[in-house]
C-alpha atoms as a PDB file:
ATOM      1  CA  MET A   1     264.531 119.952 181.734  1.00  0.00           C
ATOM      2  CA  SER A   2     267.352 120.917 184.109  1.00  0.00           C
ATOM      3  CA  GLY A   3     270.556 122.928 184.193  1.00  0.00           C
ATOM      4  CA  LEU A   4     269.065 126.412 184.701  1.00  0.00           C
ATOM      5  CA  GLN A   5     271.389 128.447 186.914  1.00  0.00           C
ATOM      6  CA  VAL A   6     269.580 131.783 186.657  1.00  0.00           C
ATOM      7  CA  ASN A   7     267.904 132.989 189.841  1.00  0.00           C
ATOM      8  CA  PRO A   8     264.564 134.823 189.608  1.00  0.00           C
ATOM      9  CA  ASN A   9     263.510 137.974 191.332  1.00  0.00           C
ATOM     10  CA  GLU A  10     262.998 136.825 194.936  1.00  0.00           C
ATOM     11  CA  ALA A  11     259.302 137.760 194.745  1.00  0.00           C
ATOM     12  CA  LEU A  12     258.853 135.232 191.904  1.00  0.00           C
ATOM     13  CA  ARG A  13     260.540 132.307 193.622  1.00  0.00           C
ATOM     14  CA  GLY A  14     257.854 129.622 193.786  1.00  0.00           C
ATOM     15  CA  ALA A  15     255.236 131.942 192.280  1.00  0.00           C
ATOM     16  CA  ARG A  16     252.679 130.748 189.767  1.00  0.00           C
ATOM     17  CA  PRO A  17     250.986 132.735 186.974  1.00  0.00           C
ATOM     18  CA  TYR A  18     247.547 134.126 187.744  1.00  0.00           C
ATOM     19  CA  SER A  19     244.798 131.592 187.242  1.00  0.00           C
ATOM     20  CA  SER A  20     241.362 130.701 188.563  1.00  0.00           C
ATOM     21  CA  PRO A  21     239.978 127.169 189.014  1.00  0.00           C
ATOM     22  CA  LYS A  22     238.191 125.892 185.928  1.00  0.00           C
ATOM     23  CA  PRO A  23     235.386 123.330 186.309  1.00  0.00           C
ATOM     24  CA  ALA A  24     235.806 119.885 184.841  1.00  0.00           C
ATOM     25  CA  HIS A  25     232.253 120.054 183.474  1.00  0.00           C
ATOM     26  CA  THR A  26     230.970 121.584 180.247  1.00  0.00           C
ATOM     27  CA  ILE A  27     230.029 125.192 181.047  1.00  0.00           C
ATOM     28  CA  ASP A  28     227.629 127.378 179.098  1.00  0.00           C
ATOM     29  CA  LEU A  29     226.803 130.006 181.751  1.00  0.00           C
ATOM     30  CA  TRP A  30     230.015 131.698 182.834  1.00  0.00           C
ATOM     31  CA  LEU A  31     229.488 133.639 186.066  1.00  0.00           C
ATOM     32  CA  ASP A  32     233.028 133.361 187.462  1.00  0.00           C
ATOM     33  CA  ALA A  33     234.897 136.335 185.960  1.00  0.00           C
ATOM     34  CA  ASN A  34     232.525 139.337 186.257  1.00  0.00           C
ATOM     35  CA  GLU A  35     232.418 139.794 182.498  1.00  0.00           C
ATOM     36  CA  GLY A  36     229.888 142.218 181.061  1.00  0.00           C
ATOM     37  CA  PRO A  37     227.269 142.079 178.293  1.00  0.00           C
ATOM     38  CA  THR A  38     227.948 140.645 174.851  1.00  0.00           C
ATOM     39  CA  PRO A  39     228.693 143.609 172.576  1.00  0.00           C
ATOM     40  CA  PRO A  40     227.221 143.948 169.062  1.00  0.00           C
ATOM     41  CA  PHE A  41     228.951 141.849 166.403  1.00  0.00           C
ATOM     42  CA  ASP A  42     229.225 144.905 164.152  1.00  0.00           C
ATOM     43  CA  LEU A  43     231.935 146.293 166.438  1.00  0.00           C
ATOM     44  CA  LEU A  44     234.445 143.925 164.853  1.00  0.00           C
ATOM     45  CA  ARG A  45     234.125 145.747 161.534  1.00  0.00           C
ATOM     46  CA  ALA A  46     236.013 148.662 163.071  1.00  0.00           C
ATOM     47  CA  ALA A  47     239.227 146.641 162.800  1.00  0.00           C
ATOM     48  CA  GLU A  48     238.858 145.161 159.309  1.00  0.00           C
ATOM     49  CA  SER A  49     241.720 147.050 157.652  1.00  0.00           C
ATOM     50  CA  VAL A  50     244.951 145.061 157.331  1.00  0.00           C
ATOM     51  CA  GLN A  51     246.846 148.318 157.826  1.00  0.00           C
ATOM     52  CA  THR A  52     245.664 148.152 161.435  1.00  0.00           C
ATOM     53  CA  VAL A  53     247.708 144.973 161.800  1.00  0.00           C
ATOM     54  CA  ARG A  54     250.738 146.165 159.816  1.00  0.00           C
ATOM     55  CA  ARG A  55     251.278 149.499 161.568  1.00  0.00           C
ATOM     56  CA  TYR A  56     252.326 150.139 165.155  1.00  0.00           C
ATOM     57  CA  PRO A  57     249.182 151.136 167.062  1.00  0.00           C
ATOM     58  CA  SER A  58     248.189 154.461 168.557  1.00  0.00           C
ATOM     59  CA  THR A  59     245.797 154.967 171.476  1.00  0.00           C
ATOM     60  CA  ASP A  60     245.440 158.723 170.927  1.00  0.00           C
ATOM     61  CA  ASP A  61     241.846 158.427 169.726  1.00  0.00           C
ATOM     62  CA  VAL A  62     240.893 156.216 172.671  1.00  0.00           C
ATOM     63  CA  ARG A  63     242.494 158.692 175.075  1.00  0.00           C
ATOM     64  CA  ALA A  64     240.600 161.565 173.486  1.00  0.00           C
ATOM     65  CA  LEU A  65     237.253 159.763 173.738  1.00  0.00           C
ATOM     66  CA  LEU A  66     237.861 158.762 177.362  1.00  0.00           C
ATOM     67  CA  ALA A  67     239.046 162.247 178.280  1.00  0.00           C
ATOM     68  CA  GLY A  68     235.923 163.709 176.707  1.00  0.00           C
ATOM     69  CA  ARG A  69     233.649 161.375 178.659  1.00  0.00           C
ATOM     70  CA  LEU A  70     235.399 162.320 181.910  1.00  0.00           C
ATOM     71  CA  GLY A  71     235.785 166.028 181.193  1.00  0.00           C
ATOM     72  CA  VAL A  72     239.569 166.012 181.594  1.00  0.00           C
ATOM     73  CA  ALA A  73     242.576 166.765 179.394  1.00  0.00           C
ATOM     74  CA  CYS A  74     244.124 163.977 177.320  1.00  0.00           C
ATOM     75  CA  GLU A  75     247.291 164.402 179.385  1.00  0.00           C
ATOM     76  CA  GLN A  76     245.334 163.048 182.353  1.00  0.00           C
ATOM     77  CA  VAL A  77     244.574 159.698 180.705  1.00  0.00           C
ATOM     78  CA  ALA A  78     246.857 156.716 180.040  1.00  0.00           C
ATOM     79  CA  VAL A  79     245.481 153.766 178.046  1.00  0.00           C
ATOM     80  CA  THR A  80     246.829 150.397 179.186  1.00  0.00           C
ATOM     81  CA  ALA A  81     246.467 146.679 178.559  1.00  0.00           C
ATOM     82  CA  GLY A  82     243.512 146.321 180.884  1.00  0.00           C
ATOM     83  CA  GLY A  83     243.192 147.731 184.369  1.00  0.00           C
ATOM     84  CA  ASP A  84     245.755 145.171 185.568  1.00  0.00           C
ATOM     85  CA  ASP A  85     248.466 146.799 183.470  1.00  0.00           C
ATOM     86  CA  ALA A  86     247.535 150.223 184.843  1.00  0.00           C
ATOM     87  CA  ILE A  87     247.846 148.935 188.421  1.00  0.00           C
ATOM     88  CA  ASP A  88     251.205 147.334 187.648  1.00  0.00           C
ATOM     89  CA  ARG A  89     252.525 150.564 186.148  1.00  0.00           C
ATOM     90  CA  ALA A  90     251.195 152.647 189.041  1.00  0.00           C
ATOM     91  CA  CYS A  91     252.924 150.367 191.543  1.00  0.00           C
ATOM     92  CA  ARG A  92     256.229 150.478 189.659  1.00  0.00           C
ATOM     93  CA  SER A  93     255.938 154.256 189.437  1.00  0.00           C
ATOM     94  CA  VAL A  94     256.227 154.783 193.206  1.00  0.00           C
ATOM     95  CA  LEU A  95     257.222 151.523 194.923  1.00  0.00           C
ATOM     96  CA  ALA A  96     260.758 150.261 195.579  1.00  0.00           C
ATOM     97  CA  PRO A  97     262.681 148.304 198.237  1.00  0.00           C
ATOM     98  CA  GLY A  98     262.134 149.935 201.615  1.00  0.00           C
ATOM     99  CA  LYS A  99     258.769 151.385 200.567  1.00  0.00           C
ATOM    100  CA  GLU A 100     255.317 150.168 201.625  1.00  0.00           C
ATOM    101  CA  ILE A 101     251.884 149.820 200.097  1.00  0.00           C
ATOM    102  CA  ILE A 102     248.788 149.591 202.293  1.00  0.00           C
ATOM    103  CA  LEU A 103     246.280 146.967 201.161  1.00  0.00           C
ATOM    104  CA  THR A 104     242.864 146.042 202.548  1.00  0.00           C
ATOM    105  CA  PRO A 105     242.365 142.282 202.114  1.00  0.00           C
ATOM    106  CA  PRO A 106     240.426 140.520 200.868  1.00  0.00           C
ATOM    107  CA  THR A 107     241.000 142.603 197.765  1.00  0.00           C
ATOM    108  CA  PHE A 108     242.217 142.336 194.189  1.00  0.00           C
ATOM    109  CA  GLU A 109     245.071 139.862 194.491  1.00  0.00           C
ATOM    110  CA  MET A 110     247.291 141.362 191.783  1.00  0.00           C
ATOM    111  CA  PHE A 111     248.175 144.279 194.064  1.00  0.00           C
ATOM    112  CA  HIS A 112     250.205 141.874 196.207  1.00  0.00           C
ATOM    113  CA  ARG A 113     252.012 140.470 193.177  1.00  0.00           C
ATOM    114  CA  TYR A 114     252.837 143.791 191.553  1.00  0.00           C
ATOM    115  CA  ALA A 115     254.049 145.289 194.830  1.00  0.00           C
ATOM    116  CA  ALA A 116     256.224 142.274 195.612  1.00  0.00           C
ATOM    117  CA  VAL A 117     258.056 142.478 192.286  1.00  0.00           C
ATOM    118  CA  THR A 118     259.108 146.061 193.084  1.00  0.00           C
ATOM    119  CA  GLY A 119     260.673 144.914 196.369  1.00  0.00           C
ATOM    120  CA  ALA A 120     258.186 146.921 198.423  1.00  0.00           C
ATOM    121  CA  SER A 121     256.388 145.537 201.474  1.00  0.00           C
ATOM    122  CA  ALA A 122     252.628 145.148 201.832  1.00  0.00           C
ATOM    123  CA  VAL A 123     250.951 146.386 205.010  1.00  0.00           C
ATOM    124  CA  GLU A 124     247.563 144.740 205.401  1.00  0.00           C
ATOM    125  CA  VAL A 125     244.453 146.157 207.069  1.00  0.00           C
ATOM    126  CA  GLU A 126     241.544 143.721 206.885  1.00  0.00           C
ATOM    127  CA  TRP A 127     238.286 145.013 205.393  1.00  0.00           C
ATOM    128  CA  THR A 128     235.584 142.412 205.814  1.00  0.00           C
ATOM    129  CA  GLN A 129     232.551 144.524 206.687  1.00  0.00           C
ATOM    130  CA  GLU A 130     231.100 147.993 206.248  1.00  0.00           C
ATOM    131  CA  PRO A 131     232.268 150.712 206.620  1.00  0.00           C
ATOM    132  CA  PHE A 132     235.752 151.095 205.123  1.00  0.00           C
ATOM    133  CA  PRO A 133     238.335 150.870 207.966  1.00  0.00           C
ATOM    134  CA  LEU A 134     239.496 154.464 207.507  1.00  0.00           C
ATOM    135  CA  GLU A 135     240.986 154.967 210.970  1.00  0.00           C
ATOM    136  CA  ARG A 136     242.976 151.729 210.859  1.00  0.00           C
ATOM    137  CA  VAL A 137     244.287 152.502 207.386  1.00  0.00           C
ATOM    138  CA  MET A 138     245.340 155.975 208.474  1.00  0.00           C
ATOM    139  CA  SER A 139     247.073 154.500 211.537  1.00  0.00           C
ATOM    140  CA  ALA A 140     249.132 152.300 209.190  1.00  0.00           C
ATOM    141  CA  ILE A 141     250.572 155.292 207.293  1.00  0.00           C
ATOM    142  CA  THR A 142     254.282 155.867 207.962  1.00  0.00           C
ATOM    143  CA  ASP A 143     257.208 157.636 206.310  1.00  0.00           C
ATOM    144  CA  ARG A 144     257.664 154.455 204.243  1.00  0.00           C
ATOM    145  CA  THR A 145     254.132 154.520 202.811  1.00  0.00           C
ATOM    146  CA  ALA A 146     254.450 155.162 199.080  1.00  0.00           C
ATOM    147  CA  ALA A 147     251.068 153.850 197.943  1.00  0.00           C
ATOM    148  CA  ILE A 148     247.637 152.987 199.299  1.00  0.00           C
ATOM    149  CA  ALA A 149     245.296 150.751 197.314  1.00  0.00           C
ATOM    150  CA  VAL A 150     241.619 151.655 197.487  1.00  0.00           C
ATOM    151  CA  VAL A 151     239.422 149.219 195.555  1.00  0.00           C
ATOM    152  CA  SER A 152     235.805 150.396 195.359  1.00  0.00           C
ATOM    153  CA  PRO A 153     233.599 148.499 194.796  1.00  0.00           C
ATOM    154  CA  ASN A 154     236.024 146.009 196.271  1.00  0.00           C
ATOM    155  CA  ASN A 155     236.801 142.736 194.560  1.00  0.00           C
ATOM    156  CA  PRO A 156     235.891 140.145 195.820  1.00  0.00           C
ATOM    157  CA  THR A 157     233.500 141.561 198.441  1.00  0.00           C
ATOM    158  CA  GLY A 158     231.635 144.328 196.596  1.00  0.00           C
ATOM    159  CA  LEU A 159     232.009 146.712 199.558  1.00  0.00           C
ATOM    160  CA  VAL A 160     232.519 150.415 198.795  1.00  0.00           C
ATOM    161  CA  VAL A 161     234.498 153.378 200.088  1.00  0.00           C
ATOM    162  CA  ARG A 162     232.557 156.530 200.925  1.00  0.00           C
ATOM    163  CA  ALA A 163     233.478 159.731 199.094  1.00  0.00           C
ATOM    164  CA  ASP A 164     234.445 161.509 202.326  1.00  0.00           C
ATOM    165  CA  ASP A 165     236.692 158.598 203.310  1.00  0.00           C
ATOM    166  CA  LEU A 166     238.613 158.892 200.052  1.00  0.00           C
ATOM    167  CA  ARG A 167     238.965 162.640 200.581  1.00  0.00           C
ATOM    168  CA  THR A 168     240.202 162.158 204.150  1.00  0.00           C
ATOM    169  CA  LEU A 169     242.700 159.514 203.098  1.00  0.00           C
ATOM    170  CA  ALA A 170     244.086 161.612 200.236  1.00  0.00           C
ATOM    171  CA  LYS A 171     244.615 164.553 202.590  1.00  0.00           C
ATOM    172  CA  ALA A 172     246.185 162.369 205.292  1.00  0.00           C
ATOM    173  CA  ALA A 173     248.815 160.908 202.943  1.00  0.00           C
ATOM    174  CA  PRO A 174     249.854 163.670 200.523  1.00  0.00           C
ATOM    175  CA  ARG A 175     253.221 161.959 199.848  1.00  0.00           C
ATOM    176  CA  ALA A 176     251.622 158.610 198.953  1.00  0.00           C
ATOM    177  CA  LEU A 177     249.917 157.684 195.704  1.00  0.00           C
ATOM    178  CA  ILE A 178     246.343 156.598 196.323  1.00  0.00           C
ATOM    179  CA  ILE A 179     245.648 153.951 193.678  1.00  0.00           C
ATOM    180  CA  ALA A 180     241.844 153.970 193.416  1.00  0.00           C
ATOM    181  CA  ASP A 181     240.814 150.835 191.542  1.00  0.00           C
ATOM    182  CA  LEU A 182     237.397 151.798 190.167  1.00  0.00           C
ATOM    183  CA  ALA A 183     236.947 148.854 187.793  1.00  0.00           C
ATOM    184  CA  TYR A 184     233.361 148.363 189.009  1.00  0.00           C
ATOM    185  CA  THR A 185     232.427 151.982 189.690  1.00  0.00           C
ATOM    186  CA  GLU A 186     229.712 152.049 187.007  1.00  0.00           C
ATOM    187  CA  PHE A 187     227.655 149.684 189.184  1.00  0.00           C
ATOM    188  CA  ALA A 188     228.052 151.646 192.425  1.00  0.00           C
ATOM    189  CA  ASP A 189     225.544 154.041 193.965  1.00  0.00           C
ATOM    190  CA  VAL A 190     228.238 156.744 194.041  1.00  0.00           C
ATOM    191  CA  ASP A 191     230.951 157.100 191.381  1.00  0.00           C
ATOM    192  CA  LEU A 192     234.232 158.040 193.079  1.00  0.00           C
ATOM    193  CA  GLN A 193     235.825 159.289 189.844  1.00  0.00           C
ATOM    194  CA  PRO A 194     234.955 162.987 190.416  1.00  0.00           C
ATOM    195  CA  VAL A 195     236.301 162.743 193.984  1.00  0.00           C
ATOM    196  CA  ALA A 196     239.537 161.155 192.765  1.00  0.00           C
ATOM    197  CA  LEU A 197     240.075 164.038 190.350  1.00  0.00           C
ATOM    198  CA  GLU A 198     240.021 166.504 193.239  1.00  0.00           C
ATOM    199  CA  PHE A 199     243.463 165.372 194.458  1.00  0.00           C
ATOM    200  CA  PRO A 200     246.835 165.247 192.669  1.00  0.00           C
ATOM    201  CA  ASN A 201     247.925 162.175 194.671  1.00  0.00           C
ATOM    202  CA  VAL A 202     244.947 160.018 193.600  1.00  0.00           C
ATOM    203  CA  VAL A 203     245.055 158.038 190.370  1.00  0.00           C
ATOM    204  CA  SER A 204     241.988 156.052 189.362  1.00  0.00           C
ATOM    205  CA  ILE A 205     242.121 152.784 187.466  1.00  0.00           C
ATOM    206  CA  ARG A 206     239.295 152.106 184.999  1.00  0.00           C
ATOM    207  CA  THR A 207     238.501 149.420 182.447  1.00  0.00           C
ATOM    208  CA  LEU A 208     236.276 148.449 179.536  1.00  0.00           C
ATOM    209  CA  SER A 209     236.262 144.833 180.776  1.00  0.00           C
ATOM    210  CA  LYS A 210     233.304 145.006 183.158  1.00  0.00           C
ATOM    211  CA  ALA A 211     230.334 147.307 182.475  1.00  0.00           C
ATOM    212  CA  TRP A 212     231.323 147.709 178.814  1.00  0.00           C
ATOM    213  CA  GLY A 213     231.607 143.949 178.184  1.00  0.00           C
ATOM    214  CA  ALA A 214     235.002 144.037 176.476  1.00  0.00           C
ATOM    215  CA  ALA A 215     237.276 141.916 178.690  1.00  0.00           C
ATOM    216  CA  GLY A 216     238.839 140.297 175.633  1.00  0.00           C
ATOM    217  CA  LEU A 217     240.038 143.630 174.238  1.00  0.00           C
ATOM    218  CA  ARG A 218     242.303 144.220 177.263  1.00  0.00           C
ATOM    219  CA  VAL A 219     241.721 147.966 177.295  1.00  0.00           C
ATOM    220  CA  GLY A 220     242.028 149.780 180.608  1.00  0.00           C
ATOM    221  CA  TYR A 221     243.057 153.265 181.568  1.00  0.00           C
ATOM    222  CA  ALA A 222     244.444 155.393 184.373  1.00  0.00           C
ATOM    223  CA  VAL A 223     243.124 158.883 185.136  1.00  0.00           C
ATOM    224  CA  GLY A 224     244.899 161.426 187.284  1.00  0.00           C
ATOM    225  CA  HIS A 225     247.417 164.242 187.587  1.00  0.00           C
ATOM    226  CA  PRO A 226     249.391 164.722 184.324  1.00  0.00           C
ATOM    227  CA  ASP A 227     252.720 163.974 186.041  1.00  0.00           C
ATOM    228  CA  VAL A 228     251.421 160.720 187.526  1.00  0.00           C
ATOM    229  CA  VAL A 229     249.936 159.729 184.171  1.00  0.00           C
ATOM    230  CA  THR A 230     253.305 160.421 182.524  1.00  0.00           C
ATOM    231  CA  TRP A 231     255.001 158.088 185.012  1.00  0.00           C
ATOM    232  CA  ILE A 232     252.439 155.397 184.287  1.00  0.00           C
ATOM    233  CA  ARG A 233     252.883 155.732 180.525  1.00  0.00           C
ATOM    234  CA  ALA A 234     256.665 155.569 180.949  1.00  0.00           C
ATOM    235  CA  ALA A 235     256.601 152.571 183.313  1.00  0.00           C
ATOM    236  CA  GLY A 236     255.616 150.019 180.663  1.00  0.00           C
ATOM    237  CA  GLY A 237     255.903 149.128 177.022  1.00  0.00           C
ATOM    238  CA  PRO A 238     255.202 151.760 174.363  1.00  0.00           C
ATOM    239  CA  TYR A 239     252.421 149.844 172.594  1.00  0.00           C
ATOM    240  CA  ALA A 240     250.327 148.310 175.366  1.00  0.00           C
ATOM    241  CA  VAL A 241     247.100 148.021 173.339  1.00  0.00           C
ATOM    242  CA  SER A 242     246.922 146.458 169.875  1.00  0.00           C
ATOM    243  CA  GLY A 243     245.674 148.415 166.889  1.00  0.00           C
ATOM    244  CA  PRO A 244     242.545 146.280 166.391  1.00  0.00           C
ATOM    245  CA  ALA A 245     241.680 146.533 170.089  1.00  0.00           C
ATOM    246  CA  ALA A 246     242.100 150.314 170.038  1.00  0.00           C
ATOM    247  CA  LEU A 247     239.807 150.705 167.021  1.00  0.00           C
ATOM    248  CA  VAL A 248     237.115 148.470 168.484  1.00  0.00           C
ATOM    249  CA  ALA A 249     237.382 150.340 171.793  1.00  0.00           C
ATOM    250  CA  CYS A 250     236.793 153.632 169.983  1.00  0.00           C
ATOM    251  CA  ARG A 251     233.742 152.275 168.199  1.00  0.00           C
ATOM    252  CA  MET A 252     232.413 150.891 171.480  1.00  0.00           C
ATOM    253  CA  LEU A 253     232.824 154.209 173.300  1.00  0.00           C
ATOM    254  CA  GLU A 254     231.085 155.987 170.429  1.00  0.00           C
ATOM    255  CA  THR A 255     228.120 153.634 170.026  1.00  0.00           C
ATOM    256  CA  CYS A 256     227.587 151.373 173.044  1.00  0.00           C
ATOM    257  CA  ALA A 257     226.962 153.742 175.957  1.00  0.00           C
ATOM    258  CA  GLY A 258     223.266 152.879 175.918  1.00  0.00           C
ATOM    259  CA  LEU A 259     223.978 149.134 175.992  1.00  0.00           C
ATOM    260  CA  MET A 260     226.309 149.657 178.936  1.00  0.00           C
ATOM    261  CA  GLN A 261     223.718 151.669 180.861  1.00  0.00           C
ATOM    262  CA  ASP A 262     221.005 149.072 180.218  1.00  0.00           C
ATOM    263  CA  TYR A 263     223.311 146.333 181.479  1.00  0.00           C
ATOM    264  CA  VAL A 264     224.155 148.283 184.629  1.00  0.00           C
ATOM    265  CA  ALA A 265     220.457 148.836 185.349  1.00  0.00           C
ATOM    266  CA  ARG A 266     219.747 145.129 184.872  1.00  0.00           C
ATOM    267  CA  VAL A 267     222.644 144.143 187.142  1.00  0.00           C
ATOM    268  CA  ARG A 268     221.400 146.361 189.958  1.00  0.00           C
ATOM    269  CA  ILE A 269     218.061 144.553 189.892  1.00  0.00           C
ATOM    270  CA  GLU A 270     219.697 141.112 189.798  1.00  0.00           C
ATOM    271  CA  ARG A 271     222.164 142.007 192.537  1.00  0.00           C
ATOM    272  CA  HIS A 272     219.313 142.788 194.924  1.00  0.00           C
ATOM    273  CA  GLU A 273     217.478 139.596 193.957  1.00  0.00           C
ATOM    274  CA  LEU A 274     220.591 137.438 194.280  1.00  0.00           C
ATOM    275  CA  PHE A 275     221.480 138.841 197.699  1.00  0.00           C
ATOM    276  CA  GLY A 276     217.987 138.109 199.002  1.00  0.00           C
ATOM    277  CA  LEU A 277     217.922 134.619 197.485  1.00  0.00           C
ATOM    278  CA  LEU A 278     221.302 133.642 198.953  1.00  0.00           C
ATOM    279  CA  GLU A 279     220.323 134.958 202.363  1.00  0.00           C
ATOM    280  CA  SER A 280     217.020 133.058 202.282  1.00  0.00           C
ATOM    281  CA  LEU A 281     218.851 129.835 201.413  1.00  0.00           C
ATOM    282  CA  GLY A 282     221.213 130.044 204.389  1.00  0.00           C
ATOM    283  CA  ALA A 283     224.284 131.606 202.789  1.00  0.00           C
ATOM    284  CA  THR A 284     225.867 134.807 204.143  1.00  0.00           C
ATOM    285  CA  PRO A 285     226.305 137.346 201.332  1.00  0.00           C
ATOM    286  CA  TRP A 286     228.241 140.599 201.430  1.00  0.00           C
ATOM    287  CA  THR A 287     226.311 143.728 200.517  1.00  0.00           C
ATOM    288  CA  SER A 288     227.706 144.398 197.040  1.00  0.00           C
ATOM    289  CA  GLN A 289     227.735 147.406 194.739  1.00  0.00           C
ATOM    290  CA  ALA A 290     229.578 145.582 191.951  1.00  0.00           C
ATOM    291  CA  ASN A 291     228.203 143.268 189.245  1.00  0.00           C
ATOM    292  CA  PHE A 292     228.547 140.243 191.512  1.00  0.00           C
ATOM    293  CA  VAL A 293     227.562 138.979 194.939  1.00  0.00           C
ATOM    294  CA  THR A 294     230.050 137.090 197.113  1.00  0.00           C
ATOM    295  CA  ALA A 295     228.722 134.875 199.897  1.00  0.00           C
ATOM    296  CA  SER A 296     230.036 132.360 202.390  1.00  0.00           C
ATOM    297  CA  PHE A 297     228.617 128.825 202.390  1.00  0.00           C
ATOM    298  CA  LYS A 298     228.830 125.872 204.729  1.00  0.00           C
ATOM    299  CA  ASN A 299     230.269 123.880 201.833  1.00  0.00           C
ATOM    300  CA  ALA A 300     231.452 126.323 199.183  1.00  0.00           C
ATOM    301  CA  ALA A 301     233.437 123.688 197.298  1.00  0.00           C
ATOM    302  CA  GLY A 302     230.383 121.437 197.092  1.00  0.00           C
ATOM    303  CA  VAL A 303     228.088 124.213 195.856  1.00  0.00           C
ATOM    304  CA  HIS A 304     230.731 125.214 193.293  1.00  0.00           C
ATOM    305  CA  GLU A 305     230.893 121.646 192.012  1.00  0.00           C
ATOM    306  CA  GLN A 306     227.115 121.192 191.877  1.00  0.00           C
ATOM    307  CA  LEU A 307     226.632 124.443 189.974  1.00  0.00           C
ATOM    308  CA  ALA A 308     229.336 123.354 187.531  1.00  0.00           C
ATOM    309  CA  SER A 309     227.547 120.029 187.025  1.00  0.00           C
ATOM    310  CA  ARG A 310     224.579 122.116 185.868  1.00  0.00           C
ATOM    311  CA  GLY A 311     226.753 124.080 183.423  1.00  0.00           C
ATOM    312  CA  ILE A 312     227.166 127.161 185.629  1.00  0.00           C
ATOM    313  CA  ALA A 313     230.630 128.437 186.558  1.00  0.00           C
ATOM    314  CA  VAL A 314     231.136 130.670 189.611  1.00  0.00           C
ATOM    315  CA  ARG A 315     234.365 131.725 191.328  1.00  0.00           C
ATOM    316  CA  TYR A 316     235.630 129.512 194.154  1.00  0.00           C
ATOM    317  CA  PHE A 317     238.642 130.879 196.047  1.00  0.00           C
ATOM    318  CA  GLY A 318     239.928 127.681 197.634  1.00  0.00           C
ATOM    319  CA  PRO A 319     242.367 128.269 200.494  1.00  0.00           C
ATOM    320  CA  ARG A 320     242.678 132.035 199.951  1.00  0.00           C
ATOM    321  CA  PRO A 321     242.538 133.802 203.351  1.00  0.00           C
ATOM    322  CA  LEU A 322     239.262 135.467 204.412  1.00  0.00           C
ATOM    323  CA  VAL A 323     237.318 134.023 201.465  1.00  0.00           C
ATOM    324  CA  SER A 324     238.148 130.325 201.682  1.00  0.00           C
ATOM    325  CA  ASP A 325     234.487 129.427 202.299  1.00  0.00           C
ATOM    326  CA  CYS A 326     233.122 131.849 199.714  1.00  0.00           C
ATOM    327  CA  LEU A 327     231.780 131.862 196.178  1.00  0.00           C
ATOM    328  CA  ARG A 328     231.666 134.965 194.008  1.00  0.00           C
ATOM    329  CA  ILE A 329     228.714 134.885 191.620  1.00  0.00           C
ATOM    330  CA  THR A 330     228.540 137.283 188.681  1.00  0.00           C
ATOM    331  CA  CYS A 331     225.089 138.674 187.972  1.00  0.00           C
ATOM    332  CA  PRO A 332     224.036 137.055 184.653  1.00  0.00           C
ATOM    333  CA  GLY A 333     222.671 140.278 183.141  1.00  0.00           C
ATOM    334  CA  SER A 334     219.645 138.579 181.584  1.00  0.00           C
ATOM    335  CA  VAL A 335     216.240 137.343 182.692  1.00  0.00           C
ATOM    336  CA  ALA A 336     216.933 133.840 181.381  1.00  0.00           C
ATOM    337  CA  GLY A 337     220.357 133.605 183.014  1.00  0.00           C
ATOM    338  CA  MET A 338     219.060 134.882 186.342  1.00  0.00           C
ATOM    339  CA  GLY A 339     216.190 132.423 186.273  1.00  0.00           C
ATOM    340  CA  ARG A 340     218.492 129.505 185.582  1.00  0.00           C
ATOM    341  CA  LEU A 341     220.915 130.535 188.332  1.00  0.00           C
ATOM    342  CA  SER A 342     218.093 130.978 190.847  1.00  0.00           C
ATOM    343  CA  ARG A 343     216.623 127.543 190.087  1.00  0.00           C
ATOM    344  CA  ALA A 344     220.015 125.885 190.444  1.00  0.00           C
ATOM    345  CA  LEU A 345     220.764 127.550 193.779  1.00  0.00           C
ATOM    346  CA  LYS A 346     217.355 126.541 195.131  1.00  0.00           C
ATOM    347  CA  GLU A 347     217.856 122.937 194.050  1.00  0.00           C
ATOM    348  CA  ILE A 348     221.288 122.768 195.653  1.00  0.00           C
ATOM    349  CA  LEU A 349     220.669 124.716 198.882  1.00  0.00           C
ATOM    350  CA  ALA A 350     216.961 124.307 199.688  1.00  0.00           C
END
């Protein structure tokens, strides 16, 4: 088809929608997307009413439940279509042409995309080992800095920011919005959410997609100062989360906290085992506090393919800078899954 004379936003020229490589083999153990535990089937009954489909949805009940869990006012919570939507809205709330966002690659790749669409520039400070490069990030702050992305635990490395580092950064850049992506914070040794709430210029991004095992619902949320939350709610569509998703999310928050905690405890055990196994087999893993371990391999593409041939999918980053020789492996969250993964890695790498 030809004849289109419309020009896109310059940031979208040549861009492709988000995607991750999918194996050509039949997969029955998906460890490539950091998805959580399988929730109880009974949760679906929360959305059985057809009126839920007919009426425009409300997220007021979800906001109230989340606010109660966090000990904040409802005005401090915005419910979004996954954490990705919250990040997009936060970026559009403060970024514009001539403004800058500081990023610490390798990190969640959507920050680059969302910032580019606003016309802002990305200033990159590499973060490939512990500790968080606080001094270098602070040196990158200028009058043009409108946002700083802090992803902890970081995706795809699993590295974390210390509480005092977040405090220091928030104080050093009072005119910038610190976007603290805490999608994996349930798995970390220290939850940065209470620290984030200490500062009006820090907004935290949370999700039900990881520890809660509800990636398909697309329910995320932002937590912060009421004014910032108002900007985030105003920066996107009025009905970001569907009615059925909102009802299931409420039921999950009310009934599945124990399941979530059990899964987190299991992941912490597996994470330690997986790190040790990869190291013993000659790979170089990052110390992770997320629900995955990322490691570099002499032949990452080959290991990815051989795992796929055994029905196991893991994340291969291809030519992406800083992680081109890496695989990110989600902790299975079960004894059987961990055993199968361990046997496969030993067969391939031993």
